[in-house]
């Protein structure tokens, strides 16, 4: 895939209550800024460890790459490093730039 995309990150499941207060449905966006860089938006309250866990998938998708674990809709799952909470997020392309 050569086209660059904006990316949406959404919490899809949580095994146990998250100490950072993450909830299923929480969402933030990564937008392409003037075609050169990335801009994160609507991130108030997001756990930094969870964001770091998504960074590889987020950057790859935003800059036109693919991941071997993507589904047919261009969505990949990632998880926080806390084995107790197991917050799972979906990282997906939402708009071609």
Protein backbone atom coordinates (compact mmCIF):
# COMPACT_ATOMS: atom_id res chain seq x y z
CA UNK A 1 0.00 0.00 0.00
CA UNK A 2 1.52 3.32 -1.08
CA UNK A 3 -1.17 5.77 0.02
CA UNK A 4 -0.84 7.49 3.34
CA UNK A 5 -3.74 7.44 5.80
CA UNK A 6 -5.13 8.97 8.92
CA UNK A 7 -5.44 6.38 11.69
CA UNK A 8 -8.01 5.74 14.41
CA UNK A 9 -7.12 3.88 17.63
CA UNK A 10 -9.98 2.43 19.70
CA UNK A 11 -10.09 0.32 22.87
CA UNK A 12 -11.97 -2.87 21.93
CA UNK A 13 -11.64 -5.01 25.07
CA UNK A 14 -10.37 -4.97 28.66
CA UNK A 15 -9.84 -8.12 30.74
CA UNK A 16 -9.75 -6.38 34.17
CA UNK A 17 -10.28 -2.75 35.19
CA UNK A 18 -7.43 -0.59 33.92
CA UNK A 19 -5.46 1.43 36.48
CA UNK A 20 -5.34 4.32 33.99
CA UNK A 21 -9.11 4.29 33.60
CA UNK A 22 -9.22 3.18 29.95
CA UNK A 23 -12.69 2.11 28.82
CA UNK A 24 -13.96 0.12 25.83
CA UNK A 25 -14.80 2.63 23.10
CA UNK A 26 -12.14 5.20 24.08
CA UNK A 27 -10.71 6.56 20.82
CA UNK A 28 -7.94 8.83 19.59
CA UNK A 29 -6.79 9.81 16.11
CA UNK A 30 -3.46 10.18 14.39
CA UNK A 31 -3.71 12.62 11.49
CA UNK A 32 -1.29 13.24 8.69
CA UNK A 33 -0.12 16.84 9.09
CA UNK A 34 0.56 18.54 5.73
CA UNK A 35 1.71 15.19 4.37
CA UNK A 36 4.96 15.38 6.34
CA UNK A 37 4.36 14.36 9.92
CA UNK A 38 1.80 13.01 12.32
CA UNK A 39 -0.46 14.76 14.80
CA UNK A 40 -2.23 12.96 17.65
CA UNK A 41 -5.64 14.28 18.65
CA UNK A 42 -8.25 13.51 21.33
CA UNK A 43 -5.71 11.80 23.59
CA UNK A 44 -6.75 13.23 26.94
CA UNK A 45 -6.54 10.49 29.55
CA UNK A 46 -4.79 7.88 27.40
CA UNK A 47 -2.29 5.59 29.09
CA UNK A 48 1.23 6.29 27.73
CA UNK A 49 2.20 2.61 27.83
CA UNK A 50 -0.82 1.70 25.72
CA UNK A 51 0.01 4.41 23.18
CA UNK A 52 3.61 3.17 22.99
CA UNK A 53 2.36 -0.38 22.40
CA UNK A 54 0.40 0.90 19.38
CA UNK A 55 3.18 3.09 17.98
CA UNK A 56 4.57 0.60 15.46
CA UNK A 57 1.18 -0.22 13.96
CA UNK A 58 0.09 3.42 14.02
CA UNK A 59 3.20 4.69 12.21
CA UNK A 60 3.21 1.87 9.67
CA UNK A 61 -0.43 2.47 8.73
CA UNK A 62 -0.13 6.26 8.67
CA UNK A 63 2.85 6.16 6.32
CA UNK A 64 1.37 3.63 3.89
CA UNK A 65 2.83 0.39 5.22
CA UNK A 66 1.06 -2.85 6.00
CA UNK A 67 1.27 -5.29 8.88
CA UNK A 68 1.08 -9.07 8.52
CA UNK A 69 -1.61 -9.27 11.22
CA UNK A 70 -4.02 -6.76 9.62
CA UNK A 71 -7.48 -7.99 8.73
CA UNK A 72 -9.20 -7.35 5.39
CA UNK A 73 -10.38 -3.88 6.46
CA UNK A 74 -6.87 -2.67 7.27
CA UNK A 75 -7.31 -3.06 11.03
CA UNK A 76 -4.66 -4.46 13.36
CA UNK A 77 -4.93 -5.28 17.05
CA UNK A 78 -2.38 -4.38 19.69
CA UNK A 79 -2.38 -4.71 23.48
CA UNK A 80 -1.04 -2.90 26.49
CA UNK A 81 1.93 -4.46 28.27
CA UNK A 82 -0.02 -4.98 31.53
CA UNK A 83 -0.82 -8.73 31.60
CA UNK A 84 -3.53 -8.27 34.25
CA UNK A 85 -5.64 -5.64 32.44
CA UNK A 86 -4.96 -6.78 28.85
CA UNK A 87 -6.37 -3.66 27.22
CA UNK A 88 -6.70 -4.45 23.50
CA UNK A 89 -6.88 -1.70 20.90
CA UNK A 90 -7.77 -1.65 17.21
CA UNK A 91 -5.54 0.47 14.98
CA UNK A 92 -7.23 1.21 11.64
CA UNK A 93 -6.93 3.39 8.58
CA UNK A 94 -9.81 5.84 8.36
CA UNK A 95 -9.03 8.30 5.57
CA UNK A 96 -6.71 8.43 2.62
CA UNK A 97 -4.59 11.59 2.54
